[in-house]
């Protein structure tokens, strides 16, 4: 018996909704990365994009455990000398919770063409409303 290898045209993509309310940011991001990559499927093939579409709602209500809200920073560099920008995570969660969730998920998927395709299938919303009801997404519980 040979090992099953999926082909790009044979992949069936489903839609999932993850509710982040009251759940740790990292746990939600890890589950979203698994779904985006397709690792939850028995037909997972490492060199083929097998992932599904993921909608994360209630990102503003996700929590950070311990002292991470005060001690964890998000850094970015403008490209100019001495222009390193730092934002604390409690500020980032208050001003732009979608960005905090996207950064957490993007750090958990590979930095190649399959990972970039997975990034395009992620939709993140701060509230409980989203505009993807027509796709009939399933609720993902973990």
C-alpha atoms as a PDB file:
ATOM      1  CA  UNK A   1       0.000   0.000   0.000  1.00  0.00           C
ATOM      2  CA  UNK A   2       1.391   3.386  -0.959  1.00  0.00           C
ATOM      3  CA  UNK A   3       1.184   6.637   0.971  1.00  0.00           C
ATOM      4  CA  UNK A   4      -1.581   9.016  -0.102  1.00  0.00           C
ATOM      5  CA  UNK A   5      -0.294  12.309  -1.531  1.00  0.00           C
ATOM      6  CA  UNK A   6      -2.847  15.038  -2.115  1.00  0.00           C
ATOM      7  CA  UNK A   7      -2.779  17.101  -5.281  1.00  0.00           C
ATOM      8  CA  UNK A   8      -3.549  20.813  -5.375  1.00  0.00           C
ATOM      9  CA  UNK A   9      -6.724  20.368  -7.420  1.00  0.00           C
ATOM     10  CA  UNK A  10      -8.157  17.706  -5.116  1.00  0.00           C
ATOM     11  CA  UNK A  11      -8.165  19.760  -1.911  1.00  0.00           C
ATOM     12  CA  UNK A  12     -11.613  20.551  -0.500  1.00  0.00           C
ATOM     13  CA  UNK A  13     -11.606  23.717   1.587  1.00  0.00           C
ATOM     14  CA  UNK A  14     -14.067  24.244   4.428  1.00  0.00           C
ATOM     15  CA  UNK A  15     -14.816  27.350   6.488  1.00  0.00           C
ATOM     16  CA  UNK A  16     -14.390  27.416  10.272  1.00  0.00           C
ATOM     17  CA  UNK A  17     -15.253  30.014  12.906  1.00  0.00           C
ATOM     18  CA  UNK A  18     -13.200  30.242  16.101  1.00  0.00           C
ATOM     19  CA  UNK A  19     -14.566  32.277  19.009  1.00  0.00           C
ATOM     20  CA  UNK A  20     -11.658  33.831  20.941  1.00  0.00           C
ATOM     21  CA  UNK A  21     -13.752  35.273  23.783  1.00  0.00           C
ATOM     22  CA  UNK A  22     -12.212  34.370  27.137  1.00  0.00           C
ATOM     23  CA  UNK A  23      -9.565  32.115  25.600  1.00  0.00           C
ATOM     24  CA  UNK A  24      -5.795  32.671  25.634  1.00  0.00           C
ATOM     25  CA  UNK A  25      -4.469  34.432  22.550  1.00  0.00           C
ATOM     26  CA  UNK A  26      -1.777  31.823  21.879  1.00  0.00           C
ATOM     27  CA  UNK A  27      -4.131  28.839  22.129  1.00  0.00           C
ATOM     28  CA  UNK A  28      -6.538  30.364  19.634  1.00  0.00           C
ATOM     29  CA  UNK A  29      -3.657  31.271  17.303  1.00  0.00           C
ATOM     30  CA  UNK A  30      -2.255  27.732  17.480  1.00  0.00           C
ATOM     31  CA  UNK A  31      -5.607  26.184  16.552  1.00  0.00           C
ATOM     32  CA  UNK A  32      -6.044  28.662  13.708  1.00  0.00           C
ATOM     33  CA  UNK A  33      -2.555  27.818  12.395  1.00  0.00           C
ATOM     34  CA  UNK A  34      -3.391  24.097  12.418  1.00  0.00           C
ATOM     35  CA  UNK A  35      -6.593  24.715  10.443  1.00  0.00           C
ATOM     36  CA  UNK A  36      -4.922  27.100   7.972  1.00  0.00           C
ATOM     37  CA  UNK A  37      -2.161  24.580   7.318  1.00  0.00           C
ATOM     38  CA  UNK A  38      -4.529  21.593   7.013  1.00  0.00           C
ATOM     39  CA  UNK A  39      -2.797  19.473   9.654  1.00  0.00           C
ATOM     40  CA  UNK A  40      -6.132  18.395  11.152  1.00  0.00           C
ATOM     41  CA  UNK A  41      -6.991  16.445   7.997  1.00  0.00           C
ATOM     42  CA  UNK A  42      -6.038  12.808   7.433  1.00  0.00           C
ATOM     43  CA  UNK A  43      -5.083  13.768   3.854  1.00  0.00           C
ATOM     44  CA  UNK A  44      -2.437  16.323   4.981  1.00  0.00           C
ATOM     45  CA  UNK A  45       0.485  16.531   2.599  1.00  0.00           C
ATOM     46  CA  UNK A  46       3.429  18.766   3.605  1.00  0.00           C
ATOM     47  CA  UNK A  47       4.236  20.106   0.137  1.00  0.00           C
ATOM     48  CA  UNK A  48       0.608  20.851  -0.868  1.00  0.00           C
ATOM     49  CA  UNK A  49      -1.579  23.654   0.452  1.00  0.00           C
ATOM     50  CA  UNK A  50      -4.321  21.601   2.170  1.00  0.00           C
ATOM     51  CA  UNK A  51      -5.622  24.256   4.566  1.00  0.00           C
ATOM     52  CA  UNK A  52      -9.072  25.634   5.220  1.00  0.00           C
ATOM     53  CA  UNK A  53     -10.516  29.130   5.655  1.00  0.00           C
ATOM     54  CA  UNK A  54     -10.585  30.435   9.230  1.00  0.00           C
ATOM     55  CA  UNK A  55     -12.652  33.280  10.684  1.00  0.00           C
ATOM     56  CA  UNK A  56     -11.661  34.396  14.198  1.00  0.00           C
ATOM     57  CA  UNK A  57     -14.244  36.474  16.052  1.00  0.00           C
ATOM     58  CA  UNK A  58     -14.179  38.315  19.411  1.00  0.00           C
ATOM     59  CA  UNK A  59     -10.433  39.019  19.270  1.00  0.00           C
ATOM     60  CA  UNK A  60     -10.920  42.000  21.563  1.00  0.00           C
ATOM     61  CA  UNK A  61     -12.039  39.587  24.305  1.00  0.00           C
ATOM     62  CA  UNK A  62      -9.032  37.250  24.031  1.00  0.00           C
ATOM     63  CA  UNK A  63      -6.886  37.138  27.134  1.00  0.00           C
ATOM     64  CA  UNK A  64      -3.173  37.088  27.852  1.00  0.00           C
ATOM     65  CA  UNK A  65      -2.191  34.934  30.826  1.00  0.00           C
ATOM     66  CA  UNK A  66       0.283  35.938  33.495  1.00  0.00           C
ATOM     67  CA  UNK A  67       2.019  39.308  33.147  1.00  0.00           C
ATOM     68  CA  UNK A  68       2.301  39.135  29.376  1.00  0.00           C
ATOM     69  CA  UNK A  69      -0.005  42.114  28.866  1.00  0.00           C
ATOM     70  CA  UNK A  70       2.523  44.403  30.566  1.00  0.00           C
ATOM     71  CA  UNK A  71       5.800  42.635  29.771  1.00  0.00           C
ATOM     72  CA  UNK A  72       5.331  41.476  26.176  1.00  0.00           C
ATOM     73  CA  UNK A  73       6.151  43.928  23.389  1.00  0.00           C
ATOM     74  CA  UNK A  74       5.536  44.018  19.652  1.00  0.00           C
ATOM     75  CA  UNK A  75       8.573  45.414  17.833  1.00  0.00           C
ATOM     76  CA  UNK A  76       8.852  46.768  14.311  1.00  0.00           C
ATOM     77  CA  UNK A  77      11.553  48.703  12.510  1.00  0.00           C
ATOM     78  CA  UNK A  78      10.904  51.536  10.059  1.00  0.00           C
ATOM     79  CA  UNK A  79      14.147  50.991   8.167  1.00  0.00           C
ATOM     80  CA  UNK A  80      15.830  54.150   9.458  1.00  0.00           C
ATOM     81  CA  UNK A  81      18.663  54.097  11.980  1.00  0.00           C
ATOM     82  CA  UNK A  82      17.347  54.250  15.531  1.00  0.00           C
ATOM     83  CA  UNK A  83      13.691  53.935  14.520  1.00  0.00           C
ATOM     84  CA  UNK A  84      12.749  50.765  16.373  1.00  0.00           C
ATOM     85  CA  UNK A  85       9.104  51.028  17.432  1.00  0.00           C
ATOM     86  CA  UNK A  86       7.795  49.096  20.422  1.00  0.00           C
ATOM     87  CA  UNK A  87       4.175  48.693  21.523  1.00  0.00           C
ATOM     88  CA  UNK A  88       3.093  46.899  24.688  1.00  0.00           C
ATOM     89  CA  UNK A  89       0.596  44.123  24.164  1.00  0.00           C
ATOM     90  CA  UNK A  90      -2.044  45.638  26.439  1.00  0.00           C
ATOM     91  CA  UNK A  91      -1.952  48.771  24.252  1.00  0.00           C
ATOM     92  CA  UNK A  92      -2.054  46.687  21.080  1.00  0.00           C
ATOM     93  CA  UNK A  93      -5.000  44.641  22.358  1.00  0.00           C
ATOM     94  CA  UNK A  94      -6.844  47.829  23.290  1.00  0.00           C
ATOM     95  CA  UNK A  95      -6.203  49.718  20.028  1.00  0.00           C
ATOM     96  CA  UNK A  96      -5.944  46.985  17.385  1.00  0.00           C
ATOM     97  CA  UNK A  97      -6.822  43.469  18.642  1.00  0.00           C
ATOM     98  CA  UNK A  98      -7.041  42.108  15.088  1.00  0.00           C
ATOM     99  CA  UNK A  99      -3.358  42.929  14.535  1.00  0.00           C
ATOM    100  CA  UNK A 100      -2.331  41.132  17.740  1.00  0.00           C
ATOM    101  CA  UNK A 101      -4.170  37.967  16.664  1.00  0.00           C
ATOM    102  CA  UNK A 102      -2.786  38.116  13.117  1.00  0.00           C
ATOM    103  CA  UNK A 103       0.769  38.474  14.419  1.00  0.00           C
ATOM    104  CA  UNK A 104       0.305  35.479  16.696  1.00  0.00           C
ATOM    105  CA  UNK A 105      -1.086  33.301  13.881  1.00  0.00           C
ATOM    106  CA  UNK A 106       1.457  34.438  11.285  1.00  0.00           C
ATOM    107  CA  UNK A 107       4.282  33.503  13.643  1.00  0.00           C
ATOM    108  CA  UNK A 108       2.977  29.923  13.733  1.00  0.00           C
ATOM    109  CA  UNK A 109       2.751  29.243   9.998  1.00  0.00           C
ATOM    110  CA  UNK A 110       5.746  28.715   7.701  1.00  0.00           C
ATOM    111  CA  UNK A 111       7.440  31.603   5.912  1.00  0.00           C
ATOM    112  CA  UNK A 112       7.108  30.267   2.372  1.00  0.00           C
ATOM    113  CA  UNK A 113       4.553  30.239  -0.451  1.00  0.00           C
ATOM    114  CA  UNK A 114       2.267  27.801   1.382  1.00  0.00           C
ATOM    115  CA  UNK A 115       2.334  30.029   4.468  1.00  0.00           C
ATOM    116  CA  UNK A 116       1.578  33.154   2.458  1.00  0.00           C
ATOM    117  CA  UNK A 117      -1.390  31.403   0.846  1.00  0.00           C
ATOM    118  CA  UNK A 118      -2.584  30.421   4.325  1.00  0.00           C
ATOM    119  CA  UNK A 119      -2.364  34.054   5.461  1.00  0.00           C
ATOM    120  CA  UNK A 120      -4.824  35.015   2.737  1.00  0.00           C
ATOM    121  CA  UNK A 121      -7.381  32.534   4.123  1.00  0.00           C
ATOM    122  CA  UNK A 122      -7.403  34.075   7.612  1.00  0.00           C
ATOM    123  CA  UNK A 123     -10.116  36.600   8.547  1.00  0.00           C
ATOM    124  CA  UNK A 124      -9.957  38.307  11.938  1.00  0.00           C
ATOM    125  CA  UNK A 125     -12.671  40.426  13.592  1.00  0.00           C
ATOM    126  CA  UNK A 126     -12.646  42.266  16.935  1.00  0.00           C
ATOM    127  CA  UNK A 127     -16.376  41.784  17.536  1.00  0.00           C
ATOM    128  CA  UNK A 128     -18.796  38.910  17.152  1.00  0.00           C
ATOM    129  CA  UNK A 129     -20.094  39.989  13.726  1.00  0.00           C
ATOM    130  CA  UNK A 130     -18.508  38.787  10.487  1.00  0.00           C
ATOM    131  CA  UNK A 131     -19.551  38.899   6.842  1.00  0.00           C
ATOM    132  CA  UNK A 132     -18.939  35.259   5.886  1.00  0.00           C
ATOM    133  CA  UNK A 133     -22.321  33.719   6.712  1.00  0.00           C
ATOM    134  CA  UNK A 134     -22.890  32.879   3.048  1.00  0.00           C
ATOM    135  CA  UNK A 135     -20.038  30.344   3.200  1.00  0.00           C
ATOM    136  CA  UNK A 136     -21.819  28.486   6.053  1.00  0.00           C
ATOM    137  CA  UNK A 137     -18.804  28.251   8.373  1.00  0.00           C
ATOM    138  CA  UNK A 138     -18.670  25.530  11.030  1.00  0.00           C
ATOM    139  CA  UNK A 139     -17.891  26.393  14.648  1.00  0.00           C
ATOM    140  CA  UNK A 140     -14.524  24.937  15.681  1.00  0.00           C
ATOM    141  CA  UNK A 141     -14.381  23.834  19.316  1.00  0.00           C
ATOM    142  CA  UNK A 142     -11.150  22.844  21.031  1.00  0.00           C
END
